C-alpha cells in the first residue's frame, strides 16, 4: 500500500496549473534520461490529449503537491500501453513508482481481463525492473540499433555487403496497396508465435494484424514510405516485406520485416533490408530527403537478426526491458 502523505489520482483540471512544473521537468529529461527520439508534447498539447481521452494520466500528490506521474493509453492497440513513469527528483522514488503502478492496475482492472499491459522500460525506467516484477510483470530484452547517415563505416558496409543470389523467379519492388492482404497474411504468420505477440496481442489474429498494417500504411505510426518499403515477389506473388516509415523529424524506422515460411533460409531478409536502406541513403545523399538515421528494434537474444543488421551497417545503441503483464483471466 502507498504510504501516508501520498495520494495517487487521475489528472483533472484542478491540478492543471500546479502539475505543469512536474510535466516540464519530465519534458526536459525525455531525450537525455528516457531515450525519447523526439521531444514529447508541449504541456498544452499533452493536456488536450488527456482531455480527448487519447492519453490517461495518474498524478501522485505528496501533501497535495504533484511529485510524480504515470501515463498510459488504451487507444493505440489492443494492449494497455504504459508510456512513462516520471518522478520529480530521486527522493522516495521507489515508493512513488509503486503508488503509481498500484493505482494504474486498480484503474485498469476491468480492461486487464482481456488486455495485456505493455511497458517499454526505456532509459532511467529500467531501474524499476525488480519492483515491477513483484506485480507479476515478465520481461523481454529489446535492442535498438541505428544506421547513422553519413557514417562512412556504415555506408561502406552497406555498399560492399555480399548479397545472396536471387533466382530469376524473384524480384524486389516498392510497396503498393495491391500487396496489403498478402502483407497482413505474411506478417500474421511470421509474428503470431513470437515475443512481439506477447505484449502486442494484435499479431495473434488476422484482424489485429490488419490494424497494425493499416496504421503503418495510413501513417498513424509516422509518415509511411511506400517507395522505400521493399516487397519480395516470387512468380509475381509477394513472399516478403520490409516496411519503412518516418517516426518523426529526420528519424526513419523499419517497423516490420518478414519472409513467408516457404522462402526462408535464403538470405532474402538481407535483400529486402539492403534495398530499403539504400533507398533512404540515396535520398539523403541526393538531398531529396534529410534523414539523420534509420533505426530498428529486435530481441536481444535474436542473434540471427542482430548479426544480419550488423552486416548491413547497423550498430547497437542501447537495450531495455520490455515488461508485460498477461491478461488476468489467463493467470
C-alpha atoms as a PDB file:
ATOM      1  CA  UNK A   1       0.000   0.000   0.000  1.00  0.00           C
ATOM      2  CA  UNK A   2       1.080   3.585  -0.670  1.00  0.00           C
ATOM      3  CA  UNK A   3       2.433   5.399   2.381  1.00  0.00           C
ATOM      4  CA  UNK A   4       0.558   8.128   4.261  1.00  0.00           C
ATOM      5  CA  UNK A   5       1.186  11.545   2.732  1.00  0.00           C
ATOM      6  CA  UNK A   6       0.953  10.292  -0.850  1.00  0.00           C
ATOM      7  CA  UNK A   7      -2.200  10.203  -2.940  1.00  0.00           C
ATOM      8  CA  UNK A   8      -2.495   8.845  -6.479  1.00  0.00           C
ATOM      9  CA  UNK A   9      -5.350  10.236  -8.558  1.00  0.00           C
ATOM     10  CA  UNK A  10      -6.391  10.853 -12.142  1.00  0.00           C
ATOM     11  CA  UNK A  11      -5.203  14.180 -13.519  1.00  0.00           C
ATOM     12  CA  UNK A  12      -8.074  16.660 -13.714  1.00  0.00           C
ATOM     13  CA  UNK A  13      -8.485  20.388 -14.299  1.00  0.00           C
ATOM     14  CA  UNK A  14      -7.983  21.190 -10.614  1.00  0.00           C
ATOM     15  CA  UNK A  15      -4.339  20.106 -10.976  1.00  0.00           C
ATOM     16  CA  UNK A  16      -3.519  21.519 -14.408  1.00  0.00           C
ATOM     17  CA  UNK A  17      -1.712  24.622 -13.200  1.00  0.00           C
ATOM     18  CA  UNK A  18       0.334  23.009 -10.434  1.00  0.00           C
ATOM     19  CA  UNK A  19       1.086  19.845 -12.464  1.00  0.00           C
ATOM     20  CA  UNK A  20       2.767  21.800 -15.251  1.00  0.00           C
ATOM     21  CA  UNK A  21       6.092  22.011 -13.392  1.00  0.00           C
ATOM     22  CA  UNK A  22       6.343  18.220 -12.956  1.00  0.00           C
ATOM     23  CA  UNK A  23       5.472  17.618 -16.605  1.00  0.00           C
ATOM     24  CA  UNK A  24       8.031  20.135 -17.834  1.00  0.00           C
ATOM     25  CA  UNK A  25      10.666  18.515 -15.607  1.00  0.00           C
ATOM     26  CA  UNK A  26       9.958  15.245 -17.439  1.00  0.00           C
ATOM     27  CA  UNK A  27       9.970  17.015 -20.794  1.00  0.00           C
ATOM     28  CA  UNK A  28      13.445  18.451 -20.101  1.00  0.00           C
ATOM     29  CA  UNK A  29      14.779  14.920 -19.425  1.00  0.00           C
ATOM     30  CA  UNK A  30      12.810  12.965 -22.030  1.00  0.00           C
ATOM     31  CA  UNK A  31      15.654  12.680 -24.537  1.00  0.00           C
ATOM     32  CA  UNK A  32      18.648  12.616 -22.190  1.00  0.00           C
ATOM     33  CA  UNK A  33      17.279  10.276 -19.488  1.00  0.00           C
ATOM     34  CA  UNK A  34      14.385   8.431 -21.127  1.00  0.00           C
ATOM     35  CA  UNK A  35      15.825   7.909 -24.636  1.00  0.00           C
ATOM     36  CA  UNK A  36      12.903   9.627 -26.392  1.00  0.00           C
ATOM     37  CA  UNK A  37      13.793  10.091 -30.048  1.00  0.00           C
ATOM     38  CA  UNK A  38      11.728  13.269 -30.275  1.00  0.00           C
ATOM     39  CA  UNK A  39      10.701  15.896 -27.776  1.00  0.00           C
ATOM     40  CA  UNK A  40       7.381  14.975 -26.106  1.00  0.00           C
ATOM     41  CA  UNK A  41       4.217  17.000 -26.437  1.00  0.00           C
ATOM     42  CA  UNK A  42       4.147  20.571 -25.222  1.00  0.00           C
ATOM     43  CA  UNK A  43       2.188  20.869 -21.990  1.00  0.00           C
ATOM     44  CA  UNK A  44      -0.910  22.337 -23.649  1.00  0.00           C
ATOM     45  CA  UNK A  45      -0.873  19.561 -26.263  1.00  0.00           C
ATOM     46  CA  UNK A  46      -0.487  16.950 -23.532  1.00  0.00           C
ATOM     47  CA  UNK A  47      -3.489  18.326 -21.621  1.00  0.00           C
ATOM     48  CA  UNK A  48      -5.505  18.359 -24.845  1.00  0.00           C
ATOM     49  CA  UNK A  49      -4.668  14.680 -25.455  1.00  0.00           C
ATOM     50  CA  UNK A  50      -5.715  13.842 -21.889  1.00  0.00           C
ATOM     51  CA  UNK A  51      -8.998  15.725 -22.223  1.00  0.00           C
ATOM     52  CA  UNK A  52      -9.770  13.964 -25.508  1.00  0.00           C
ATOM     53  CA  UNK A  53      -9.084  10.579 -23.908  1.00  0.00           C
ATOM     54  CA  UNK A  54      -6.096   9.704 -26.086  1.00  0.00           C
ATOM     55  CA  UNK A  55      -3.871   9.575 -23.011  1.00  0.00           C
ATOM     56  CA  UNK A  56      -4.629   8.815 -19.377  1.00  0.00           C
ATOM     57  CA  UNK A  57      -2.510  10.389 -16.657  1.00  0.00           C
ATOM     58  CA  UNK A  58      -2.220   9.404 -12.990  1.00  0.00           C
ATOM     59  CA  UNK A  59      -0.656  12.004 -10.702  1.00  0.00           C
ATOM     60  CA  UNK A  60       0.974  11.273  -7.360  1.00  0.00           C
ATOM     61  CA  UNK A  61       0.462  14.072  -4.864  1.00  0.00           C
ATOM     62  CA  UNK A  62       2.787  14.457  -1.902  1.00  0.00           C
ATOM     63  CA  UNK A  63       0.976  16.534   0.718  1.00  0.00           C
ATOM     64  CA  UNK A  64      -1.246  17.831  -2.126  1.00  0.00           C
ATOM     65  CA  UNK A  65       1.722  18.745  -4.338  1.00  0.00           C
ATOM     66  CA  UNK A  66       2.289  16.696  -7.560  1.00  0.00           C
ATOM     67  CA  UNK A  67       5.701  14.999  -7.445  1.00  0.00           C
ATOM     68  CA  UNK A  68       5.301  12.101  -9.911  1.00  0.00           C
ATOM     69  CA  UNK A  69       3.054  10.841 -12.691  1.00  0.00           C
ATOM     70  CA  UNK A  70       2.291   7.882 -14.936  1.00  0.00           C
ATOM     71  CA  UNK A  71       0.864   7.983 -18.465  1.00  0.00           C
ATOM     72  CA  UNK A  72      -0.885   5.117 -20.228  1.00  0.00           C
ATOM     73  CA  UNK A  73      -3.231   4.623 -23.162  1.00  0.00           C
ATOM     74  CA  UNK A  74      -5.713   2.047 -24.396  1.00  0.00           C
ATOM     75  CA  UNK A  75      -6.469   3.761 -27.702  1.00  0.00           C
ATOM     76  CA  UNK A  76      -3.477   2.725 -29.847  1.00  0.00           C
ATOM     77  CA  UNK A  77      -3.550  -1.065 -29.758  1.00  0.00           C
ATOM     78  CA  UNK A  78      -5.260  -3.989 -28.065  1.00  0.00           C
ATOM     79  CA  UNK A  79      -2.861  -3.607 -25.132  1.00  0.00           C
ATOM     80  CA  UNK A  80      -2.819  -1.224 -22.208  1.00  0.00           C
ATOM     81  CA  UNK A  81       0.294   0.707 -23.149  1.00  0.00           C
ATOM     82  CA  UNK A  82       2.115   2.229 -20.190  1.00  0.00           C
ATOM     83  CA  UNK A  83       4.211   5.044 -21.678  1.00  0.00           C
ATOM     84  CA  UNK A  84       6.146   6.723 -18.866  1.00  0.00           C
ATOM     85  CA  UNK A  85       6.660   6.874 -15.109  1.00  0.00           C
ATOM     86  CA  UNK A  86       8.413  10.049 -14.009  1.00  0.00           C
ATOM     87  CA  UNK A  87       9.330  11.201 -10.515  1.00  0.00           C
ATOM     88  CA  UNK A  88      10.452  14.685  -9.540  1.00  0.00           C
ATOM     89  CA  UNK A  89      13.898  14.038  -8.078  1.00  0.00           C
ATOM     90  CA  UNK A  90      15.118  10.753  -6.615  1.00  0.00           C
ATOM     91  CA  UNK A  91      13.732  11.016  -3.088  1.00  0.00           C
ATOM     92  CA  UNK A  92      11.319   8.141  -2.280  1.00  0.00           C
ATOM     93  CA  UNK A  93      11.363   7.226  -5.969  1.00  0.00           C
ATOM     94  CA  UNK A  94      10.574   3.548  -5.404  1.00  0.00           C
ATOM     95  CA  UNK A  95       7.613   4.369  -3.145  1.00  0.00           C
ATOM     96  CA  UNK A  96       6.234   6.832  -5.680  1.00  0.00           C
ATOM     97  CA  UNK A  97       6.657   4.401  -8.572  1.00  0.00           C
ATOM     98  CA  UNK A  98       4.860   1.675  -6.616  1.00  0.00           C
ATOM     99  CA  UNK A  99       1.994   4.003  -5.773  1.00  0.00           C
ATOM    100  CA  UNK A 100       1.525   4.923  -9.426  1.00  0.00           C
ATOM    101  CA  UNK A 101       1.692   1.302 -10.617  1.00  0.00           C
ATOM    102  CA  UNK A 102      -0.809   0.173  -7.992  1.00  0.00           C
ATOM    103  CA  UNK A 103      -3.234   2.925  -8.974  1.00  0.00           C
ATOM    104  CA  UNK A 104      -2.806   2.069 -12.665  1.00  0.00           C
ATOM    105  CA  UNK A 105      -3.519  -1.612 -12.020  1.00  0.00           C
ATOM    106  CA  UNK A 106      -6.564  -0.653  -9.956  1.00  0.00           C
ATOM    107  CA  UNK A 107      -7.965   1.628 -12.666  1.00  0.00           C
ATOM    108  CA  UNK A 108      -7.347  -0.916 -15.441  1.00  0.00           C
ATOM    109  CA  UNK A 109      -8.579  -3.996 -13.573  1.00  0.00           C
ATOM    110  CA  UNK A 110     -11.590  -4.424 -15.851  1.00  0.00           C
ATOM    111  CA  UNK A 111      -9.575  -3.864 -19.048  1.00  0.00           C
ATOM    112  CA  UNK A 112      -6.957  -6.333 -17.853  1.00  0.00           C
ATOM    113  CA  UNK A 113      -9.497  -9.140 -18.064  1.00  0.00           C
ATOM    114  CA  UNK A 114      -8.881  -9.050 -21.818  1.00  0.00           C
ATOM    115  CA  UNK A 115      -5.809  -6.887 -22.375  1.00  0.00           C
ATOM    116  CA  UNK A 116      -2.092  -7.238 -21.781  1.00  0.00           C
ATOM    117  CA  UNK A 117      -0.264  -4.402 -20.024  1.00  0.00           C
ATOM    118  CA  UNK A 118       2.769  -3.408 -22.107  1.00  0.00           C
ATOM    119  CA  UNK A 119       5.542  -1.250 -20.635  1.00  0.00           C
ATOM    120  CA  UNK A 120       8.778  -0.419 -22.500  1.00  0.00           C
ATOM    121  CA  UNK A 121      11.112   0.496 -19.632  1.00  0.00           C
ATOM    122  CA  UNK A 122      13.347   2.787 -21.618  1.00  0.00           C
ATOM    123  CA  UNK A 123      16.164   4.822 -20.129  1.00  0.00           C
ATOM    124  CA  UNK A 124      16.021   5.571 -16.399  1.00  0.00           C
ATOM    125  CA  UNK A 125      12.857   3.493 -16.004  1.00  0.00           C
ATOM    126  CA  UNK A 126      14.925   0.302 -16.202  1.00  0.00           C
ATOM    127  CA  UNK A 127      15.812   0.800 -12.519  1.00  0.00           C
ATOM    128  CA  UNK A 128      12.205  -0.134 -11.679  1.00  0.00           C
ATOM    129  CA  UNK A 129      12.585  -3.673 -13.064  1.00  0.00           C
ATOM    130  CA  UNK A 130      12.839  -5.539  -9.754  1.00  0.00           C
ATOM    131  CA  UNK A 131       9.863  -3.715  -8.245  1.00  0.00           C
ATOM    132  CA  UNK A 132       7.733  -4.110 -11.373  1.00  0.00           C
ATOM    133  CA  UNK A 133       8.396  -7.857 -11.274  1.00  0.00           C
ATOM    134  CA  UNK A 134       6.681  -8.042  -7.870  1.00  0.00           C
ATOM    135  CA  UNK A 135       3.372  -7.209  -9.572  1.00  0.00           C
ATOM    136  CA  UNK A 136       3.686 -10.186 -11.911  1.00  0.00           C
ATOM    137  CA  UNK A 137       5.312  -8.462 -14.883  1.00  0.00           C
ATOM    138  CA  UNK A 138       7.531 -10.564 -17.144  1.00  0.00           C
ATOM    139  CA  UNK A 139      10.298  -9.199 -19.332  1.00  0.00           C
ATOM    140  CA  UNK A 140      11.708  -9.409 -22.847  1.00  0.00           C
ATOM    141  CA  UNK A 141      15.021  -7.750 -23.666  1.00  0.00           C
ATOM    142  CA  UNK A 142      14.947  -5.428 -26.668  1.00  0.00           C
ATOM    143  CA  UNK A 143      17.864  -3.847 -28.509  1.00  0.00           C
ATOM    144  CA  UNK A 144      17.709  -0.619 -30.521  1.00  0.00           C
ATOM    145  CA  UNK A 145      20.079  -0.498 -33.489  1.00  0.00           C
ATOM    146  CA  UNK A 146      20.854   2.504 -35.665  1.00  0.00           C
ATOM    147  CA  UNK A 147      22.175   3.082 -39.164  1.00  0.00           C
ATOM    148  CA  UNK A 148      23.603   6.601 -38.999  1.00  0.00           C
ATOM    149  CA  UNK A 149      23.507   8.584 -42.218  1.00  0.00           C
ATOM    150  CA  UNK A 150      26.865   9.985 -43.233  1.00  0.00           C
ATOM    151  CA  UNK A 151      28.753   7.426 -41.170  1.00  0.00           C
ATOM    152  CA  UNK A 152      31.466   6.288 -43.578  1.00  0.00           C
ATOM    153  CA  UNK A 153      31.915   2.886 -41.952  1.00  0.00           C
ATOM    154  CA  UNK A 154      28.205   2.012 -42.020  1.00  0.00           C
ATOM    155  CA  UNK A 155      27.709   3.235 -45.583  1.00  0.00           C
ATOM    156  CA  UNK A 156      30.776   1.285 -46.741  1.00  0.00           C
ATOM    157  CA  UNK A 157      29.450  -1.889 -45.091  1.00  0.00           C
ATOM    158  CA  UNK A 158      26.095  -1.390 -46.821  1.00  0.00           C
ATOM    159  CA  UNK A 159      27.691  -0.771 -50.211  1.00  0.00           C
ATOM    160  CA  UNK A 160      30.047  -3.735 -50.013  1.00  0.00           C
ATOM    161  CA  UNK A 161      27.826  -6.314 -48.335  1.00  0.00           C
ATOM    162  CA  UNK A 162      27.626  -9.671 -50.081  1.00  0.00           C
ATOM    163  CA  UNK A 163      24.062 -10.427 -51.046  1.00  0.00           C
ATOM    164  CA  UNK A 164      22.652 -13.893 -51.728  1.00  0.00           C
ATOM    165  CA  UNK A 165      21.924 -14.946 -55.279  1.00  0.00           C
ATOM    166  CA  UNK A 166      18.386 -14.082 -56.304  1.00  0.00           C
ATOM    167  CA  UNK A 167      16.864 -16.676 -58.669  1.00  0.00           C
ATOM    168  CA  UNK A 168      15.051 -15.284 -61.715  1.00  0.00           C
ATOM    169  CA  UNK A 169      11.687 -16.154 -60.160  1.00  0.00           C
ATOM    170  CA  UNK A 170      12.296 -13.474 -57.533  1.00  0.00           C
ATOM    171  CA  UNK A 171      12.320  -9.702 -57.824  1.00  0.00           C
ATOM    172  CA  UNK A 172      12.236  -6.691 -55.496  1.00  0.00           C
ATOM    173  CA  UNK A 173       9.675  -3.906 -55.894  1.00  0.00           C
ATOM    174  CA  UNK A 174       8.257  -0.990 -53.926  1.00  0.00           C
ATOM    175  CA  UNK A 175       5.142  -1.374 -51.812  1.00  0.00           C
ATOM    176  CA  UNK A 176       1.687  -0.873 -53.298  1.00  0.00           C
ATOM    177  CA  UNK A 177      -1.717  -1.323 -51.666  1.00  0.00           C
ATOM    178  CA  UNK A 178      -2.342  -4.256 -54.009  1.00  0.00           C
ATOM    179  CA  UNK A 179       0.030  -6.181 -51.719  1.00  0.00           C
ATOM    180  CA  UNK A 180      -1.757  -5.296 -48.467  1.00  0.00           C
ATOM    181  CA  UNK A 181      -3.674  -8.554 -47.988  1.00  0.00           C
ATOM    182  CA  UNK A 182      -0.503 -10.555 -48.588  1.00  0.00           C
ATOM    183  CA  UNK A 183       1.363  -8.335 -46.130  1.00  0.00           C
ATOM    184  CA  UNK A 184      -1.281  -8.947 -43.462  1.00  0.00           C
ATOM    185  CA  UNK A 185      -1.153 -12.709 -44.005  1.00  0.00           C
ATOM    186  CA  UNK A 186       2.657 -12.930 -44.011  1.00  0.00           C
ATOM    187  CA  UNK A 187       3.134 -10.618 -41.016  1.00  0.00           C
ATOM    188  CA  UNK A 188       0.497 -12.539 -39.035  1.00  0.00           C
ATOM    189  CA  UNK A 189       2.076 -15.916 -39.792  1.00  0.00           C
ATOM    190  CA  UNK A 190       5.569 -14.608 -39.044  1.00  0.00           C
ATOM    191  CA  UNK A 191       4.771 -12.884 -35.733  1.00  0.00           C
ATOM    192  CA  UNK A 192       1.844 -14.764 -34.148  1.00  0.00           C
ATOM    193  CA  UNK A 193       4.110 -17.054 -32.107  1.00  0.00           C
ATOM    194  CA  UNK A 194       6.919 -14.584 -31.358  1.00  0.00           C
ATOM    195  CA  UNK A 195       7.645 -12.464 -28.247  1.00  0.00           C
ATOM    196  CA  UNK A 196       6.141  -9.475 -30.111  1.00  0.00           C
ATOM    197  CA  UNK A 197       2.721 -11.133 -29.890  1.00  0.00           C
ATOM    198  CA  UNK A 198       3.058 -11.435 -26.110  1.00  0.00           C
ATOM    199  CA  UNK A 199       2.974  -7.676 -25.500  1.00  0.00           C
ATOM    200  CA  UNK A 200       1.067  -6.733 -28.673  1.00  0.00           C
ATOM    201  CA  UNK A 201      -1.639  -9.374 -28.990  1.00  0.00           C
ATOM    202  CA  UNK A 202      -2.830  -7.967 -32.318  1.00  0.00           C
ATOM    203  CA  UNK A 203      -0.269 -10.169 -34.065  1.00  0.00           C
ATOM    204  CA  UNK A 204      -2.182 -13.250 -32.905  1.00  0.00           C
ATOM    205  CA  UNK A 205      -5.151 -12.613 -35.208  1.00  0.00           C
ATOM    206  CA  UNK A 206      -5.717 -11.548 -38.803  1.00  0.00           C
ATOM    207  CA  UNK A 207      -7.978  -8.751 -37.560  1.00  0.00           C
ATOM    208  CA  UNK A 208      -5.326  -7.432 -35.199  1.00  0.00           C
ATOM    209  CA  UNK A 209      -2.565  -7.666 -37.797  1.00  0.00           C
ATOM    210  CA  UNK A 210      -4.810  -5.802 -40.224  1.00  0.00           C
ATOM    211  CA  UNK A 211      -4.981  -2.967 -37.677  1.00  0.00           C
ATOM    212  CA  UNK A 212      -1.173  -2.870 -37.422  1.00  0.00           C
ATOM    213  CA  UNK A 213      -0.636  -2.798 -41.188  1.00  0.00           C
ATOM    214  CA  UNK A 214      -3.371  -0.196 -41.663  1.00  0.00           C
ATOM    215  CA  UNK A 215      -1.819   2.066 -39.032  1.00  0.00           C
ATOM    216  CA  UNK A 216       1.588   1.758 -40.701  1.00  0.00           C
ATOM    217  CA  UNK A 217       0.365   2.343 -44.271  1.00  0.00           C
ATOM    218  CA  UNK A 218      -2.057   5.107 -43.254  1.00  0.00           C
ATOM    219  CA  UNK A 219       0.777   6.956 -41.463  1.00  0.00           C
ATOM    220  CA  UNK A 220      -0.729   6.640 -37.977  1.00  0.00           C
ATOM    221  CA  UNK A 221       2.619   5.473 -36.593  1.00  0.00           C
ATOM    222  CA  UNK A 222       4.616   8.003 -38.590  1.00  0.00           C
ATOM    223  CA  UNK A 223       4.859   9.002 -42.241  1.00  0.00           C
ATOM    224  CA  UNK A 224       4.732   5.836 -44.333  1.00  0.00           C
ATOM    225  CA  UNK A 225       7.400   5.436 -47.047  1.00  0.00           C
ATOM    226  CA  UNK A 226       5.938   3.132 -49.725  1.00  0.00           C
ATOM    227  CA  UNK A 227       8.837   3.717 -52.157  1.00  0.00           C
ATOM    228  CA  UNK A 228      11.365   2.623 -49.520  1.00  0.00           C
ATOM    229  CA  UNK A 229       9.205  -0.249 -48.290  1.00  0.00           C
ATOM    230  CA  UNK A 230      10.503  -3.320 -50.105  1.00  0.00           C
ATOM    231  CA  UNK A 231       8.423  -6.253 -51.324  1.00  0.00           C
ATOM    232  CA  UNK A 232       9.931  -9.550 -52.450  1.00  0.00           C
ATOM    233  CA  UNK A 233       7.958 -11.247 -55.197  1.00  0.00           C
ATOM    234  CA  UNK A 234       8.199 -14.873 -56.273  1.00  0.00           C
ATOM    235  CA  UNK A 235       6.466 -15.542 -59.590  1.00  0.00           C
ATOM    236  CA  UNK A 236       4.894 -12.101 -59.106  1.00  0.00           C
ATOM    237  CA  UNK A 237       3.365 -13.089 -55.730  1.00  0.00           C
ATOM    238  CA  UNK A 238       4.539 -11.365 -52.504  1.00  0.00           C
ATOM    239  CA  UNK A 239       6.601 -13.521 -50.157  1.00  0.00           C
ATOM    240  CA  UNK A 240       8.480 -10.935 -48.083  1.00  0.00           C
ATOM    241  CA  UNK A 241       8.251  -7.375 -46.775  1.00  0.00           C
ATOM    242  CA  UNK A 242      10.464  -4.731 -45.164  1.00  0.00           C
ATOM    243  CA  UNK A 243       8.346  -1.741 -44.118  1.00  0.00           C
ATOM    244  CA  UNK A 244       9.750   1.768 -43.696  1.00  0.00           C
ATOM    245  CA  UNK A 245       8.382   4.939 -42.162  1.00  0.00           C
ATOM    246  CA  UNK A 246       9.451   8.202 -40.533  1.00  0.00           C
ATOM    247  CA  UNK A 247       8.812   8.203 -36.804  1.00  0.00           C
ATOM    248  CA  UNK A 248       9.430  11.928 -36.624  1.00  0.00           C
ATOM    249  CA  UNK A 249      11.816  14.639 -37.759  1.00  0.00           C
ATOM    250  CA  UNK A 250      14.806  13.125 -39.528  1.00  0.00           C
ATOM    251  CA  UNK A 251      14.477   9.659 -37.998  1.00  0.00           C
ATOM    252  CA  UNK A 252      13.394   6.734 -40.167  1.00  0.00           C
ATOM    253  CA  UNK A 253      12.374   3.343 -38.836  1.00  0.00           C
ATOM    254  CA  UNK A 254      11.991  -0.254 -40.017  1.00  0.00           C
ATOM    255  CA  UNK A 255       8.902  -1.402 -38.063  1.00  0.00           C
ATOM    256  CA  UNK A 256       8.447  -4.836 -39.642  1.00  0.00           C
ATOM    257  CA  UNK A 257      10.465  -7.361 -41.649  1.00  0.00           C
ATOM    258  CA  UNK A 258       9.022 -10.761 -42.560  1.00  0.00           C
ATOM    259  CA  UNK A 259       9.560 -13.579 -45.040  1.00  0.00           C
ATOM    260  CA  UNK A 260       6.953 -16.192 -45.852  1.00  0.00           C
ATOM    261  CA  UNK A 261       7.878 -19.536 -44.256  1.00  0.00           C
ATOM    262  CA  UNK A 262       8.489 -21.447 -47.517  1.00  0.00           C
ATOM    263  CA  UNK A 263      11.002 -18.820 -48.668  1.00  0.00           C
ATOM    264  CA  UNK A 264      13.103 -18.523 -45.502  1.00  0.00           C
ATOM    265  CA  UNK A 265      16.692 -19.627 -45.141  1.00  0.00           C
ATOM    266  CA  UNK A 266      17.888 -17.993 -48.362  1.00  0.00           C
ATOM    267  CA  UNK A 267      19.067 -14.650 -47.019  1.00  0.00           C
ATOM    268  CA  UNK A 268      16.128 -12.781 -48.538  1.00  0.00           C
ATOM    269  CA  UNK A 269      15.689 -10.575 -45.447  1.00  0.00           C
ATOM    270  CA  UNK A 270      19.092  -9.092 -46.216  1.00  0.00           C
ATOM    271  CA  UNK A 271      17.971  -8.385 -49.793  1.00  0.00           C
ATOM    272  CA  UNK A 272      14.863  -6.573 -48.571  1.00  0.00           C
ATOM    273  CA  UNK A 273      16.721  -4.518 -45.976  1.00  0.00           C
ATOM    274  CA  UNK A 274      19.576  -3.695 -48.347  1.00  0.00           C
ATOM    275  CA  UNK A 275      17.131  -2.239 -50.864  1.00  0.00           C
ATOM    276  CA  UNK A 276      15.191  -0.307 -48.209  1.00  0.00           C
ATOM    277  CA  UNK A 277      18.246   1.205 -46.514  1.00  0.00           C
ATOM    278  CA  UNK A 278      19.970   2.021 -49.821  1.00  0.00           C
ATOM    279  CA  UNK A 279      16.846   3.836 -50.980  1.00  0.00           C
ATOM    280  CA  UNK A 280      16.919   6.074 -47.907  1.00  0.00           C
ATOM    281  CA  UNK A 281      20.692   6.595 -48.117  1.00  0.00           C
ATOM    282  CA  UNK A 282      20.330   7.633 -51.774  1.00  0.00           C
ATOM    283  CA  UNK A 283      17.512  10.056 -50.929  1.00  0.00           C
ATOM    284  CA  UNK A 284      19.668  11.652 -48.234  1.00  0.00           C
ATOM    285  CA  UNK A 285      22.781  11.890 -50.404  1.00  0.00           C
ATOM    286  CA  UNK A 286      20.789  13.404 -53.284  1.00  0.00           C
ATOM    287  CA  UNK A 287      19.057  15.891 -50.985  1.00  0.00           C
ATOM    288  CA  UNK A 288      15.593  14.506 -51.748  1.00  0.00           C
ATOM    289  CA  UNK A 289      15.009  13.765 -48.057  1.00  0.00           C
ATOM    290  CA  UNK A 290      17.055  14.561 -44.979  1.00  0.00           C
ATOM    291  CA  UNK A 291      17.389  11.529 -42.722  1.00  0.00           C
ATOM    292  CA  UNK A 292      19.812  11.501 -39.804  1.00  0.00           C
ATOM    293  CA  UNK A 293      19.392   7.780 -39.123  1.00  0.00           C
ATOM    294  CA  UNK A 294      17.358   4.638 -39.617  1.00  0.00           C
ATOM    295  CA  UNK A 295      16.589   2.606 -36.514  1.00  0.00           C
ATOM    296  CA  UNK A 296      15.223  -0.835 -35.791  1.00  0.00           C
ATOM    297  CA  UNK A 297      14.323  -2.820 -32.664  1.00  0.00           C
ATOM    298  CA  UNK A 298      14.782  -6.554 -32.125  1.00  0.00           C
ATOM    299  CA  UNK A 299      15.012  -9.007 -29.229  1.00  0.00           C
ATOM    300  CA  UNK A 300      18.396  -9.098 -27.514  1.00  0.00           C
ATOM    301  CA  UNK A 301      18.514 -12.885 -27.877  1.00  0.00           C
ATOM    302  CA  UNK A 302      17.614 -12.881 -31.581  1.00  0.00           C
ATOM    303  CA  UNK A 303      21.227 -13.415 -32.582  1.00  0.00           C
ATOM    304  CA  UNK A 304      20.382 -14.135 -36.210  1.00  0.00           C
ATOM    305  CA  UNK A 305      18.617 -10.780 -36.613  1.00  0.00           C
ATOM    306  CA  UNK A 306      21.341  -8.904 -34.722  1.00  0.00           C
ATOM    307  CA  UNK A 307      24.009 -10.441 -36.960  1.00  0.00           C
ATOM    308  CA  UNK A 308      22.041  -9.537 -40.089  1.00  0.00           C
ATOM    309  CA  UNK A 309      21.600  -5.902 -39.025  1.00  0.00           C
ATOM    310  CA  UNK A 310      25.299  -5.588 -38.215  1.00  0.00           C
ATOM    311  CA  UNK A 311      26.155  -6.891 -41.699  1.00  0.00           C
ATOM    312  CA  UNK A 312      24.037  -4.122 -43.204  1.00  0.00           C
ATOM    313  CA  UNK A 313      25.802  -1.390 -41.210  1.00  0.00           C
ATOM    314  CA  UNK A 314      23.569  -1.057 -38.123  1.00  0.00           C
ATOM    315  CA  UNK A 315      25.139  -0.725 -34.673  1.00  0.00           C
ATOM    316  CA  UNK A 316      23.537  -1.384 -31.283  1.00  0.00           C
ATOM    317  CA  UNK A 317      22.726   1.824 -29.450  1.00  0.00           C
ATOM    318  CA  UNK A 318      21.069   0.617 -26.233  1.00  0.00           C
ATOM    319  CA  UNK A 319      18.941  -2.173 -24.752  1.00  0.00           C
ATOM    320  CA  UNK A 320      15.911  -2.014 -22.483  1.00  0.00           C
ATOM    321  CA  UNK A 321      13.486  -4.405 -20.765  1.00  0.00           C
ATOM    322  CA  UNK A 322      10.040  -4.655 -22.354  1.00  0.00           C
ATOM    323  CA  UNK A 323       7.707  -5.509 -19.463  1.00  0.00           C
ATOM    324  CA  UNK A 324       4.344  -7.172 -19.929  1.00  0.00           C
ATOM    325  CA  UNK A 325       1.540  -8.384 -17.667  1.00  0.00           C
ATOM    326  CA  UNK A 326      -0.709 -11.037 -19.171  1.00  0.00           C
ATOM    327  CA  UNK A 327      -4.497 -10.868 -19.042  1.00  0.00           C
ATOM    328  CA  UNK A 328      -5.963 -11.662 -15.642  1.00  0.00           C
ATOM    329  CA  UNK A 329      -8.179 -14.469 -16.967  1.00  0.00           C
ATOM    330  CA  UNK A 330      -5.101 -16.263 -18.275  1.00  0.00           C
ATOM    331  CA  UNK A 331      -3.262 -16.381 -14.952  1.00  0.00           C
END
